[in-house]
Amino acid sequence: MKTDTPHLDIAALVGPDDWACLAPDIRRRFAPDHPPVVYRRALTVRCSLVGRLYARFAAAFGRPLPLCAGDDIETEVRVFPNDSGGVVWERWLFRPGYPASCVRSTKAIGRNGRLEERTDHGLVMALDVFVHDGALVFQGRRYSIEIFGNIRLPIPALLGPGLCRVTHEGLCSEFFRFTLEMRHRLWGRNFYQRGIFLDPPDRSATPCVVFQASPQAVRP
């Protein structure tokens, strides 16, 4: 069922001057109403001991935090619009000998007209989006839990997993570097992910398939 929620427009949130500073492939990837796309690549994933505790607790809210860690983890990212004007990001991680894990969240414009990212089970992160050193950056401002569909309970900063910062950095041609870091003011870095992938010039073509991994990083 469609709603009157505004469609996500990253370019409008960033502003025309800063948007023009981004590489063309970054602008293409985050352009409004882009078609669904699938990326496959190898990802470096780190999770501290405290981070694992947060990940286990957050499992009740749609598993937004991965428990796994390692180098060259086979990763599949599915990006597609939903019927409410947002964009869904499904990140599947595959490790030999372990069940596949999925981190699913949706970026959308919230009721207050600002950007937010939320899980299917009510965990919400208010976001700022801006350009820094030629990269597109999403940075969390605060966390909350939504209950009964319209009541939000704020999570104190010290109880959350830390400041979340996601960077999309253009390298050369159509290659991007994706970096995610969650750093707590007391516990330090709880989560870290990094990988390089390719965005195809023609979004109407076959979905992008990029996988750079060591031979052992294959599905079980």
N, C-alpha and C. Protein backbone atom coordinates (compact mmCIF):
# COMPACT_ATOMS: atom_id res chain seq x y z
N MET A 1 0.84 -1.20 0.00
CA MET A 1 0.00 0.00 0.00
C MET A 1 0.88 1.25 0.00
N LYS A 2 0.63 2.12 -0.96
CA LYS A 2 1.44 3.31 -1.08
C LYS A 2 0.97 4.38 -0.11
N THR A 3 1.90 5.23 0.31
CA THR A 3 1.59 6.30 1.24
C THR A 3 2.01 7.62 0.65
N ASP A 4 1.74 8.70 1.42
CA ASP A 4 2.15 10.03 0.97
C ASP A 4 3.53 10.41 1.48
N THR A 5 4.28 9.45 2.00
CA THR A 5 5.63 9.72 2.48
C THR A 5 6.50 10.24 1.34
N PRO A 6 7.26 11.32 1.54
CA PRO A 6 8.12 11.84 0.47
C PRO A 6 9.14 10.79 0.01
N HIS A 7 9.41 10.78 -1.27
CA HIS A 7 10.41 9.87 -1.80
C HIS A 7 11.81 10.33 -1.37
N LEU A 8 12.66 9.35 -1.14
CA LEU A 8 14.02 9.66 -0.71
C LEU A 8 14.79 10.31 -1.85
N ASP A 9 15.34 11.49 -1.59
CA ASP A 9 16.12 12.23 -2.58
C ASP A 9 17.39 12.71 -1.90
N ILE A 10 18.45 11.91 -2.01
CA ILE A 10 19.72 12.24 -1.35
C ILE A 10 20.30 13.54 -1.90
N ALA A 11 20.16 13.76 -3.20
CA ALA A 11 20.69 14.98 -3.81
C ALA A 11 20.08 16.22 -3.18
N ALA A 12 18.78 16.19 -2.93
CA ALA A 12 18.12 17.35 -2.33
C ALA A 12 18.56 17.54 -0.88
N LEU A 13 18.81 16.44 -0.17
CA LEU A 13 19.25 16.55 1.22
C LEU A 13 20.66 17.11 1.32
N VAL A 14 21.51 16.74 0.38
CA VAL A 14 22.91 17.19 0.38
C VAL A 14 23.01 18.64 -0.09
N GLY A 15 22.20 18.99 -1.08
CA GLY A 15 22.27 20.33 -1.66
C GLY A 15 23.01 20.30 -2.98
N PRO A 16 22.62 21.15 -3.94
CA PRO A 16 23.19 21.09 -5.29
C PRO A 16 24.68 21.32 -5.37
N ASP A 17 25.22 22.22 -4.57
CA ASP A 17 26.65 22.51 -4.66
C ASP A 17 27.50 21.33 -4.20
N ASP A 18 27.15 20.76 -3.04
CA ASP A 18 27.91 19.62 -2.55
C ASP A 18 27.67 18.38 -3.40
N TRP A 19 26.44 18.22 -3.89
CA TRP A 19 26.14 17.07 -4.76
C TRP A 19 27.01 17.08 -6.00
N ALA A 20 27.26 18.27 -6.54
CA ALA A 20 28.09 18.39 -7.75
C ALA A 20 29.54 18.02 -7.49
N CYS A 21 29.97 18.04 -6.21
CA CYS A 21 31.35 17.69 -5.87
C CYS A 21 31.59 16.19 -5.87
N LEU A 22 30.52 15.40 -5.88
CA LEU A 22 30.66 13.96 -5.85
C LEU A 22 31.00 13.41 -7.23
N ALA A 23 31.67 12.27 -7.26
CA ALA A 23 31.97 11.60 -8.52
C ALA A 23 30.67 11.20 -9.21
N PRO A 24 30.65 11.19 -10.55
CA PRO A 24 29.41 10.86 -11.27
C PRO A 24 28.83 9.51 -10.90
N ASP A 25 29.69 8.52 -10.62
CA ASP A 25 29.16 7.21 -10.29
C ASP A 25 28.47 7.21 -8.93
N ILE A 26 28.95 8.02 -7.98
CA ILE A 26 28.26 8.12 -6.69
C ILE A 26 26.90 8.79 -6.88
N ARG A 27 26.85 9.84 -7.67
CA ARG A 27 25.58 10.51 -7.93
C ARG A 27 24.60 9.57 -8.61
N ARG A 28 25.10 8.76 -9.53
CA ARG A 28 24.24 7.81 -10.23
C ARG A 28 23.69 6.76 -9.26
N ARG A 29 24.53 6.29 -8.38
CA ARG A 29 24.11 5.24 -7.45
C ARG A 29 23.03 5.71 -6.49
N PHE A 30 23.10 6.97 -6.08
CA PHE A 30 22.15 7.49 -5.10
C PHE A 30 21.11 8.41 -5.72
N ALA A 31 20.98 8.36 -7.04
CA ALA A 31 19.97 9.18 -7.71
C ALA A 31 18.56 8.70 -7.33
N PRO A 32 17.59 9.60 -7.29
CA PRO A 32 16.22 9.19 -6.95
C PRO A 32 15.67 8.19 -7.96
N ASP A 33 14.88 7.25 -7.46
CA ASP A 33 14.16 6.29 -8.31
C ASP A 33 15.09 5.43 -9.16
N HIS A 34 16.29 5.13 -8.66
CA HIS A 34 17.15 4.23 -9.42
C HIS A 34 16.58 2.82 -9.35
N PRO A 35 16.80 2.00 -10.37
CA PRO A 35 16.23 0.65 -10.38
C PRO A 35 16.94 -0.27 -9.40
N PRO A 36 16.33 -1.41 -9.08
CA PRO A 36 16.98 -2.37 -8.18
C PRO A 36 18.32 -2.83 -8.73
N VAL A 37 19.24 -3.14 -7.84
CA VAL A 37 20.56 -3.60 -8.26
C VAL A 37 21.09 -4.55 -7.19
N VAL A 38 21.95 -5.48 -7.63
CA VAL A 38 22.58 -6.43 -6.72
C VAL A 38 24.09 -6.31 -6.86
N TYR A 39 24.79 -6.21 -5.74
CA TYR A 39 26.25 -6.15 -5.72
C TYR A 39 26.76 -7.38 -4.98
N ARG A 40 27.81 -7.99 -5.50
CA ARG A 40 28.48 -9.08 -4.80
C ARG A 40 29.95 -8.74 -4.71
N ARG A 41 30.50 -8.86 -3.51
CA ARG A 41 31.88 -8.48 -3.32
C ARG A 41 32.43 -9.12 -2.04
N ALA A 42 33.71 -8.97 -1.82
CA ALA A 42 34.33 -9.42 -0.57
C ALA A 42 34.39 -8.24 0.39
N LEU A 43 34.15 -8.51 1.65
CA LEU A 43 34.09 -7.46 2.65
C LEU A 43 34.95 -7.84 3.85
N THR A 44 35.70 -6.86 4.35
CA THR A 44 36.40 -7.02 5.62
C THR A 44 35.46 -6.60 6.73
N VAL A 45 35.26 -7.47 7.72
CA VAL A 45 34.31 -7.21 8.79
C VAL A 45 35.00 -7.41 10.14
N ARG A 46 34.85 -6.44 11.03
CA ARG A 46 35.39 -6.53 12.38
C ARG A 46 34.26 -6.27 13.38
N CYS A 47 34.30 -6.99 14.49
CA CYS A 47 33.30 -6.85 15.54
C CYS A 47 33.99 -7.10 16.88
N SER A 48 33.99 -6.11 17.76
CA SER A 48 34.65 -6.26 19.06
C SER A 48 33.81 -7.15 19.98
N LEU A 49 34.37 -7.48 21.13
CA LEU A 49 33.63 -8.28 22.10
C LEU A 49 32.38 -7.55 22.57
N VAL A 50 32.51 -6.26 22.85
CA VAL A 50 31.34 -5.47 23.24
C VAL A 50 30.36 -5.39 22.07
N GLY A 51 30.90 -5.27 20.85
CA GLY A 51 30.05 -5.23 19.68
C GLY A 51 29.21 -6.49 19.53
N ARG A 52 29.79 -7.64 19.86
CA ARG A 52 29.04 -8.90 19.80
C ARG A 52 27.87 -8.90 20.77
N LEU A 53 28.08 -8.31 21.93
CA LEU A 53 26.99 -8.21 22.90
C LEU A 53 25.86 -7.34 22.36
N TYR A 54 26.23 -6.21 21.76
CA TYR A 54 25.22 -5.36 21.14
C TYR A 54 24.48 -6.10 20.02
N ALA A 55 25.23 -6.84 19.20
CA ALA A 55 24.62 -7.56 18.08
C ALA A 55 23.61 -8.60 18.58
N ARG A 56 23.94 -9.28 19.66
CA ARG A 56 23.02 -10.28 20.20
C ARG A 56 21.76 -9.61 20.76
N PHE A 57 21.93 -8.50 21.43
CA PHE A 57 20.77 -7.79 21.97
C PHE A 57 19.89 -7.26 20.84
N ALA A 58 20.52 -6.74 19.77
CA ALA A 58 19.78 -6.13 18.67
C ALA A 58 19.12 -7.16 17.77
N ALA A 59 19.39 -8.45 17.99
CA ALA A 59 18.77 -9.49 17.17
C ALA A 59 17.25 -9.43 17.24
N ALA A 60 16.72 -8.93 18.37
CA ALA A 60 15.27 -8.82 18.51
C ALA A 60 14.68 -7.75 17.60
N PHE A 61 15.51 -6.90 17.02
CA PHE A 61 15.04 -5.81 16.17
C PHE A 61 15.44 -6.01 14.71
N GLY A 62 15.50 -7.27 14.29
CA GLY A 62 15.79 -7.56 12.89
C GLY A 62 17.24 -7.79 12.56
N ARG A 63 18.06 -8.06 13.56
CA ARG A 63 19.49 -8.34 13.37
C ARG A 63 20.20 -7.26 12.55
N PRO A 64 20.15 -5.99 12.98
CA PRO A 64 20.81 -4.93 12.22
C PRO A 64 22.33 -4.94 12.34
N LEU A 65 22.87 -5.68 13.33
CA LEU A 65 24.31 -5.70 13.56
C LEU A 65 24.85 -7.12 13.36
N PRO A 66 25.84 -7.30 12.50
CA PRO A 66 26.35 -8.64 12.22
C PRO A 66 27.24 -9.16 13.35
N LEU A 67 27.15 -10.46 13.60
CA LEU A 67 27.99 -11.10 14.60
C LEU A 67 29.31 -11.59 14.03
N CYS A 68 29.35 -11.81 12.72
CA CYS A 68 30.52 -12.41 12.12
C CYS A 68 31.66 -11.40 11.96
N ALA A 69 32.86 -11.93 11.80
CA ALA A 69 34.04 -11.10 11.57
C ALA A 69 35.03 -11.89 10.75
N GLY A 70 35.82 -11.19 9.94
CA GLY A 70 36.82 -11.87 9.13
C GLY A 70 37.21 -11.05 7.93
N ASP A 71 38.14 -11.58 7.14
CA ASP A 71 38.58 -10.96 5.91
C ASP A 71 37.96 -11.69 4.72
N ASP A 72 37.73 -10.96 3.63
CA ASP A 72 37.21 -11.56 2.40
C ASP A 72 35.93 -12.34 2.63
N ILE A 73 35.01 -11.78 3.41
CA ILE A 73 33.72 -12.41 3.61
C ILE A 73 32.84 -12.15 2.39
N GLU A 74 32.36 -13.21 1.79
CA GLU A 74 31.52 -13.06 0.61
C GLU A 74 30.24 -12.33 1.01
N THR A 75 29.92 -11.27 0.27
CA THR A 75 28.82 -10.39 0.63
C THR A 75 27.95 -10.11 -0.59
N GLU A 76 26.67 -10.15 -0.39
CA GLU A 76 25.72 -9.79 -1.45
C GLU A 76 24.83 -8.67 -0.92
N VAL A 77 24.77 -7.58 -1.66
CA VAL A 77 23.98 -6.42 -1.25
C VAL A 77 22.88 -6.19 -2.30
N ARG A 78 21.66 -6.21 -1.83
CA ARG A 78 20.51 -5.98 -2.71
C ARG A 78 19.89 -4.64 -2.35
N VAL A 79 19.78 -3.76 -3.33
CA VAL A 79 19.25 -2.41 -3.10
C VAL A 79 18.03 -2.22 -3.99
N PHE A 80 16.91 -1.84 -3.38
CA PHE A 80 15.69 -1.68 -4.17
C PHE A 80 14.73 -0.73 -3.46
N PRO A 81 13.90 0.00 -4.21
CA PRO A 81 12.93 0.91 -3.59
C PRO A 81 11.75 0.14 -3.01
N ASN A 82 11.12 0.71 -1.98
CA ASN A 82 9.89 0.12 -1.47
C ASN A 82 8.69 0.96 -1.89
N ASP A 83 7.52 0.61 -1.42
CA ASP A 83 6.30 1.31 -1.82
C ASP A 83 6.03 2.57 -1.00
N SER A 84 6.94 2.89 -0.08
CA SER A 84 6.72 4.05 0.79
C SER A 84 7.71 5.17 0.53
N GLY A 85 8.40 5.12 -0.61
CA GLY A 85 9.33 6.18 -0.95
C GLY A 85 10.74 5.99 -0.43
N GLY A 86 11.00 4.89 0.27
CA GLY A 86 12.33 4.63 0.80
C GLY A 86 13.14 3.67 -0.07
N VAL A 87 14.35 3.39 0.37
CA VAL A 87 15.24 2.47 -0.33
C VAL A 87 15.70 1.41 0.67
N VAL A 88 15.51 0.15 0.30
CA VAL A 88 15.85 -0.98 1.16
C VAL A 88 17.26 -1.47 0.81
N TRP A 89 18.04 -1.72 1.85
CA TRP A 89 19.38 -2.29 1.70
C TRP A 89 19.41 -3.63 2.42
N GLU A 90 19.57 -4.70 1.67
CA GLU A 90 19.73 -6.04 2.25
C GLU A 90 21.17 -6.47 2.06
N ARG A 91 21.85 -6.75 3.16
CA ARG A 91 23.26 -7.15 3.10
C ARG A 91 23.38 -8.58 3.63
N TRP A 92 23.68 -9.50 2.71
CA TRP A 92 23.85 -10.91 3.05
C TRP A 92 25.33 -11.22 3.19
N LEU A 93 25.70 -11.86 4.28
CA LEU A 93 27.09 -12.25 4.53
C LEU A 93 27.17 -13.78 4.60
N PHE A 94 28.14 -14.34 3.87
CA PHE A 94 28.29 -15.78 3.79
C PHE A 94 29.68 -16.18 4.28
N ARG A 95 29.70 -17.12 5.22
CA ARG A 95 30.96 -17.66 5.71
C ARG A 95 30.93 -19.16 5.62
N PRO A 96 32.01 -19.79 5.23
CA PRO A 96 32.04 -21.26 5.15
C PRO A 96 31.71 -21.88 6.50
N GLY A 97 30.77 -22.81 6.48
CA GLY A 97 30.43 -23.53 7.70
C GLY A 97 29.45 -22.85 8.61
N TYR A 98 28.96 -21.64 8.24
CA TYR A 98 28.02 -20.90 9.08
C TYR A 98 26.77 -20.56 8.27
N PRO A 99 25.62 -20.42 8.93
CA PRO A 99 24.42 -19.98 8.21
C PRO A 99 24.61 -18.56 7.67
N ALA A 100 24.03 -18.29 6.54
CA ALA A 100 24.08 -16.93 5.99
C ALA A 100 23.36 -15.98 6.93
N SER A 101 23.89 -14.77 7.07
CA SER A 101 23.25 -13.76 7.91
C SER A 101 22.84 -12.58 7.05
N CYS A 102 21.71 -11.97 7.41
CA CYS A 102 21.18 -10.85 6.63
C CYS A 102 20.97 -9.64 7.54
N VAL A 103 21.48 -8.51 7.11
CA VAL A 103 21.25 -7.22 7.77
C VAL A 103 20.38 -6.40 6.81
N ARG A 104 19.17 -6.09 7.22
CA ARG A 104 18.22 -5.40 6.34
C ARG A 104 17.77 -4.10 7.01
N SER A 105 17.86 -3.01 6.27
CA SER A 105 17.40 -1.72 6.77
C SER A 105 16.87 -0.89 5.61
N THR A 106 16.12 0.14 5.96
CA THR A 106 15.51 1.00 4.96
C THR A 106 15.83 2.45 5.25
N LYS A 107 16.40 3.14 4.28
CA LYS A 107 16.60 4.59 4.38
C LYS A 107 15.36 5.27 3.83
N ALA A 108 14.84 6.25 4.59
CA ALA A 108 13.61 6.92 4.18
C ALA A 108 13.54 8.27 4.88
N ILE A 109 12.61 9.08 4.42
CA ILE A 109 12.32 10.35 5.08
C ILE A 109 11.33 10.09 6.21
N GLY A 110 11.69 10.49 7.43
CA GLY A 110 10.85 10.25 8.59
C GLY A 110 9.70 11.23 8.69
N ARG A 111 8.91 11.05 9.73
CA ARG A 111 7.74 11.91 9.94
C ARG A 111 8.13 13.37 10.16
N ASN A 112 9.36 13.60 10.64
CA ASN A 112 9.81 14.97 10.87
C ASN A 112 10.47 15.58 9.64
N GLY A 113 10.42 14.86 8.52
CA GLY A 113 10.99 15.38 7.28
C GLY A 113 12.49 15.20 7.14
N ARG A 114 13.12 14.47 8.08
CA ARG A 114 14.55 14.26 8.04
C ARG A 114 14.87 12.81 7.73
N LEU A 115 16.10 12.57 7.32
CA LEU A 115 16.52 11.24 6.92
C LEU A 115 16.65 10.32 8.13
N GLU A 116 16.23 9.08 7.95
CA GLU A 116 16.41 8.07 8.99
C GLU A 116 16.61 6.71 8.34
N GLU A 117 17.14 5.79 9.13
CA GLU A 117 17.31 4.41 8.68
C GLU A 117 16.69 3.52 9.75
N ARG A 118 15.92 2.53 9.31
CA ARG A 118 15.18 1.73 10.27
C ARG A 118 15.17 0.26 9.86
N THR A 119 15.04 -0.61 10.85
CA THR A 119 14.88 -2.03 10.59
C THR A 119 13.39 -2.34 10.50
N ASP A 120 13.08 -3.57 10.08
CA ASP A 120 11.68 -3.97 9.97
C ASP A 120 11.03 -4.17 11.34
N HIS A 121 11.85 -4.19 12.40
CA HIS A 121 11.32 -4.48 13.73
C HIS A 121 11.41 -3.29 14.68
N GLY A 122 11.53 -2.06 14.13
CA GLY A 122 11.34 -0.88 14.94
C GLY A 122 12.56 -0.17 15.47
N LEU A 123 13.75 -0.62 15.14
CA LEU A 123 14.95 0.12 15.55
C LEU A 123 15.21 1.22 14.53
N VAL A 124 15.32 2.46 15.01
CA VAL A 124 15.43 3.62 14.11
C VAL A 124 16.70 4.40 14.44
N MET A 125 17.41 4.83 13.39
CA MET A 125 18.58 5.68 13.56
C MET A 125 18.37 6.95 12.73
N ALA A 126 18.34 8.10 13.41
CA ALA A 126 18.27 9.38 12.71
C ALA A 126 19.63 9.66 12.07
N LEU A 127 19.61 10.15 10.83
CA LEU A 127 20.83 10.30 10.06
C LEU A 127 21.03 11.72 9.56
N ASP A 128 22.29 12.11 9.48
CA ASP A 128 22.71 13.25 8.69
C ASP A 128 23.42 12.71 7.45
N VAL A 129 23.29 13.40 6.33
CA VAL A 129 24.01 13.02 5.12
C VAL A 129 24.70 14.27 4.59
N PHE A 130 25.98 14.11 4.22
CA PHE A 130 26.75 15.26 3.77
C PHE A 130 27.94 14.77 2.94
N VAL A 131 28.63 15.70 2.34
CA VAL A 131 29.82 15.39 1.54
C VAL A 131 31.05 15.83 2.32
N HIS A 132 32.04 14.94 2.41
CA HIS A 132 33.28 15.25 3.10
C HIS A 132 34.45 14.71 2.30
N ASP A 133 35.36 15.58 1.90
CA ASP A 133 36.53 15.20 1.11
C ASP A 133 36.14 14.40 -0.13
N GLY A 134 35.07 14.81 -0.78
CA GLY A 134 34.65 14.16 -2.02
C GLY A 134 33.90 12.86 -1.84
N ALA A 135 33.61 12.47 -0.60
CA ALA A 135 32.88 11.23 -0.32
C ALA A 135 31.49 11.56 0.23
N LEU A 136 30.54 10.66 -0.02
CA LEU A 136 29.21 10.80 0.55
C LEU A 136 29.18 10.10 1.90
N VAL A 137 28.75 10.82 2.93
CA VAL A 137 28.81 10.30 4.30
C VAL A 137 27.41 10.30 4.91
N PHE A 138 27.06 9.15 5.50
CA PHE A 138 25.85 9.04 6.32
C PHE A 138 26.32 8.87 7.76
N GLN A 139 25.84 9.74 8.64
CA GLN A 139 26.29 9.69 10.04
C GLN A 139 25.09 9.73 10.97
N GLY A 140 25.05 8.77 11.90
CA GLY A 140 23.94 8.68 12.83
C GLY A 140 23.95 9.81 13.83
N ARG A 141 22.75 10.26 14.22
CA ARG A 141 22.61 11.29 15.24
C ARG A 141 22.08 10.72 16.56
N ARG A 142 21.15 9.81 16.46
CA ARG A 142 20.61 9.19 17.68
C ARG A 142 19.82 7.93 17.28
N TYR A 143 19.60 7.08 18.27
CA TYR A 143 18.83 5.86 18.08
C TYR A 143 17.53 5.93 18.88
N SER A 144 16.53 5.21 18.38
CA SER A 144 15.27 5.09 19.11
C SER A 144 14.62 3.76 18.74
N ILE A 145 13.66 3.37 19.56
CA ILE A 145 12.87 2.16 19.30
C ILE A 145 11.43 2.58 19.10
N GLU A 146 10.84 2.13 18.00
CA GLU A 146 9.45 2.47 17.70
C GLU A 146 8.54 1.33 18.14
N ILE A 147 7.50 1.66 18.90
CA ILE A 147 6.54 0.66 19.35
C ILE A 147 5.12 1.12 19.00
N PHE A 148 4.26 0.16 18.79
CA PHE A 148 2.85 0.42 18.46
C PHE A 148 2.70 1.29 17.21
N GLY A 149 3.73 1.32 16.38
CA GLY A 149 3.63 2.01 15.10
C GLY A 149 3.87 3.50 15.12
N ASN A 150 3.75 4.15 16.28
CA ASN A 150 3.90 5.62 16.27
C ASN A 150 4.53 6.19 17.54
N ILE A 151 4.96 5.34 18.46
CA ILE A 151 5.60 5.82 19.68
C ILE A 151 7.08 5.47 19.62
N ARG A 152 7.92 6.47 19.83
CA ARG A 152 9.36 6.25 19.77
C ARG A 152 9.99 6.50 21.13
N LEU A 153 10.78 5.53 21.54
CA LEU A 153 11.51 5.62 22.80
C LEU A 153 12.98 5.86 22.50
N PRO A 154 13.51 7.02 22.89
CA PRO A 154 14.93 7.31 22.59
C PRO A 154 15.86 6.40 23.38
N ILE A 155 16.98 6.04 22.75
CA ILE A 155 18.01 5.23 23.40
C ILE A 155 19.14 6.17 23.81
N PRO A 156 19.46 6.26 25.10
CA PRO A 156 20.58 7.13 25.52
C PRO A 156 21.87 6.77 24.79
N ALA A 157 22.66 7.78 24.49
CA ALA A 157 23.88 7.58 23.70
C ALA A 157 24.80 6.53 24.32
N LEU A 158 24.93 6.54 25.63
CA LEU A 158 25.84 5.61 26.28
C LEU A 158 25.36 4.17 26.21
N LEU A 159 24.06 3.98 25.99
CA LEU A 159 23.52 2.62 25.89
C LEU A 159 23.51 2.10 24.46
N GLY A 160 23.72 2.98 23.50
CA GLY A 160 23.72 2.57 22.09
C GLY A 160 25.05 1.97 21.67
N PRO A 161 25.12 1.43 20.45
CA PRO A 161 26.35 0.79 19.96
C PRO A 161 27.44 1.76 19.55
N GLY A 162 27.14 3.05 19.54
CA GLY A 162 28.14 4.05 19.18
C GLY A 162 27.77 4.83 17.94
N LEU A 163 28.53 5.87 17.68
CA LEU A 163 28.30 6.71 16.51
C LEU A 163 28.54 5.91 15.24
N CYS A 164 27.53 5.86 14.38
CA CYS A 164 27.64 5.13 13.12
C CYS A 164 27.99 6.10 12.00
N ARG A 165 29.03 5.76 11.25
CA ARG A 165 29.46 6.59 10.12
C ARG A 165 29.71 5.68 8.92
N VAL A 166 28.98 5.93 7.84
CA VAL A 166 29.11 5.16 6.61
C VAL A 166 29.60 6.09 5.51
N THR A 167 30.66 5.68 4.83
CA THR A 167 31.27 6.51 3.80
C THR A 167 31.28 5.78 2.47
N HIS A 168 30.82 6.47 1.42
CA HIS A 168 30.89 5.96 0.05
C HIS A 168 31.88 6.86 -0.69
N GLU A 169 33.02 6.29 -1.03
CA GLU A 169 34.13 7.07 -1.58
C GLU A 169 34.46 6.59 -2.99
N GLY A 170 34.45 7.51 -3.95
CA GLY A 170 34.84 7.17 -5.31
C GLY A 170 36.34 6.98 -5.40
N LEU A 171 36.76 5.93 -6.13
CA LEU A 171 38.18 5.66 -6.29
C LEU A 171 38.65 6.05 -7.68
N CYS A 172 38.32 5.25 -8.67
CA CYS A 172 38.63 5.58 -10.06
C CYS A 172 37.60 4.88 -10.93
N SER A 173 37.33 5.47 -12.08
CA SER A 173 36.31 4.93 -12.97
C SER A 173 35.02 4.75 -12.18
N GLU A 174 34.43 3.52 -12.18
CA GLU A 174 33.18 3.29 -11.46
C GLU A 174 33.40 2.58 -10.12
N PHE A 175 34.62 2.49 -9.63
CA PHE A 175 34.87 1.78 -8.39
C PHE A 175 34.62 2.67 -7.17
N PHE A 176 34.05 2.05 -6.13
CA PHE A 176 33.75 2.72 -4.88
C PHE A 176 34.37 1.97 -3.72
N ARG A 177 34.70 2.73 -2.68
CA ARG A 177 35.05 2.11 -1.40
C ARG A 177 33.93 2.39 -0.41
N PHE A 178 33.41 1.31 0.18
CA PHE A 178 32.39 1.41 1.22
C PHE A 178 33.04 1.16 2.57
N THR A 179 32.82 2.07 3.52
CA THR A 179 33.37 1.91 4.87
C THR A 179 32.28 2.19 5.89
N LEU A 180 32.12 1.30 6.85
CA LEU A 180 31.20 1.49 7.96
C LEU A 180 31.96 1.36 9.27
N GLU A 181 31.75 2.31 10.15
CA GLU A 181 32.39 2.25 11.47
C GLU A 181 31.38 2.70 12.53
N MET A 182 31.33 1.95 13.62
CA MET A 182 30.52 2.33 14.77
C MET A 182 31.45 2.42 15.97
N ARG A 183 31.56 3.63 16.52
CA ARG A 183 32.53 3.88 17.59
C ARG A 183 31.82 4.46 18.81
N HIS A 184 31.99 3.79 19.94
CA HIS A 184 31.37 4.18 21.20
C HIS A 184 32.34 5.06 21.99
N ARG A 185 31.81 6.06 22.70
CA ARG A 185 32.69 6.98 23.42
C ARG A 185 33.44 6.30 24.57
N LEU A 186 32.91 5.18 25.08
CA LEU A 186 33.58 4.45 26.15
C LEU A 186 34.29 3.19 25.65
N TRP A 187 33.65 2.43 24.77
CA TRP A 187 34.16 1.12 24.36
C TRP A 187 34.98 1.17 23.08
N GLY A 188 35.07 2.34 22.45
CA GLY A 188 35.85 2.43 21.22
C GLY A 188 35.11 1.84 20.03
N ARG A 189 35.87 1.32 19.08
CA ARG A 189 35.26 0.83 17.84
C ARG A 189 34.62 -0.52 18.07
N ASN A 190 33.30 -0.59 17.89
CA ASN A 190 32.56 -1.84 18.06
C ASN A 190 32.37 -2.60 16.76
N PHE A 191 32.20 -1.87 15.65
CA PHE A 191 31.96 -2.51 14.35
C PHE A 191 32.74 -1.78 13.26
N TYR A 192 33.20 -2.57 12.30
CA TYR A 192 33.94 -1.99 11.17
C TYR A 192 33.72 -2.89 9.96
N GLN A 193 33.40 -2.28 8.81
CA GLN A 193 33.26 -3.01 7.55
C GLN A 193 33.89 -2.17 6.44
N ARG A 194 34.53 -2.87 5.52
CA ARG A 194 35.14 -2.15 4.40
C ARG A 194 35.23 -3.06 3.19
N GLY A 195 34.92 -2.50 2.01
CA GLY A 195 34.99 -3.26 0.78
C GLY A 195 35.00 -2.35 -0.43
N ILE A 196 35.48 -2.87 -1.54
CA ILE A 196 35.53 -2.13 -2.81
C ILE A 196 34.62 -2.84 -3.80
N PHE A 197 33.79 -2.07 -4.48
CA PHE A 197 32.87 -2.66 -5.44
C PHE A 197 32.72 -1.76 -6.65
N LEU A 198 32.00 -2.23 -7.66
CA LEU A 198 31.84 -1.54 -8.92
C LEU A 198 30.38 -1.19 -9.15
N ASP A 199 30.15 0.03 -9.62
CA ASP A 199 28.80 0.44 -9.99
C ASP A 199 28.74 0.55 -11.51
N PRO A 200 27.86 -0.21 -12.17
CA PRO A 200 27.84 -0.19 -13.64
C PRO A 200 27.37 1.15 -14.17
N PRO A 201 27.93 1.63 -15.28
CA PRO A 201 27.50 2.90 -15.85
C PRO A 201 26.04 2.88 -16.26
N ASP A 202 25.56 1.74 -16.77
CA ASP A 202 24.19 1.65 -17.25
C ASP A 202 23.36 0.88 -16.23
N ARG A 203 22.50 1.58 -15.47
CA ARG A 203 21.72 0.92 -14.44
C ARG A 203 20.63 0.04 -15.04
N SER A 204 20.30 0.20 -16.34
CA SER A 204 19.28 -0.64 -16.95
C SER A 204 19.86 -1.95 -17.43
N ALA A 205 21.19 -2.09 -17.33
CA ALA A 205 21.83 -3.31 -17.78
C ALA A 205 21.70 -4.39 -16.71
N THR A 206 22.34 -5.53 -16.97
CA THR A 206 22.31 -6.62 -16.01
C THR A 206 22.87 -6.15 -14.67
N PRO A 207 22.23 -6.56 -13.54
CA PRO A 207 22.71 -6.11 -12.23
C PRO A 207 24.19 -6.34 -12.05
N CYS A 208 24.81 -5.40 -11.36
CA CYS A 208 26.25 -5.43 -11.14
C CYS A 208 26.65 -6.66 -10.34
N VAL A 209 27.70 -7.34 -10.77
CA VAL A 209 28.24 -8.48 -10.03
C VAL A 209 29.73 -8.26 -9.86
N VAL A 210 30.15 -7.98 -8.64
CA VAL A 210 31.56 -7.77 -8.33
C VAL A 210 31.90 -8.62 -7.14
N PHE A 211 32.92 -9.48 -7.26
CA PHE A 211 33.31 -10.32 -6.13
C PHE A 211 34.82 -10.46 -6.14
N GLN A 212 35.44 -9.90 -5.11
CA GLN A 212 36.88 -9.98 -4.97
C GLN A 212 37.16 -10.66 -3.64
N ALA A 213 37.64 -11.87 -3.68
CA ALA A 213 37.81 -12.62 -2.44
C ALA A 213 38.89 -13.66 -2.62
N SER A 214 39.38 -14.15 -1.50
CA SER A 214 40.32 -15.24 -1.54
C SER A 214 39.59 -16.53 -1.85
N PRO A 215 40.27 -17.59 -2.32
CA PRO A 215 39.59 -18.81 -2.72
C PRO A 215 38.76 -19.44 -1.60
N GLN A 216 39.15 -19.28 -0.34
CA GLN A 216 38.43 -19.93 0.73
C GLN A 216 37.14 -19.21 1.11
N ALA A 217 36.95 -17.98 0.60
CA ALA A 217 35.75 -17.22 0.97
C ALA A 217 34.62 -17.55 0.02
N VAL A 218 34.07 -18.73 0.14
CA VAL A 218 32.97 -19.18 -0.71
C VAL A 218 31.85 -19.70 0.16
N ARG A 219 30.68 -19.80 -0.42
CA ARG A 219 29.55 -20.29 0.34
C ARG A 219 29.77 -21.75 0.73
N PRO A 220 29.25 -22.17 1.90
CA PRO A 220 29.38 -23.55 2.31
C PRO A 220 28.55 -24.46 1.43
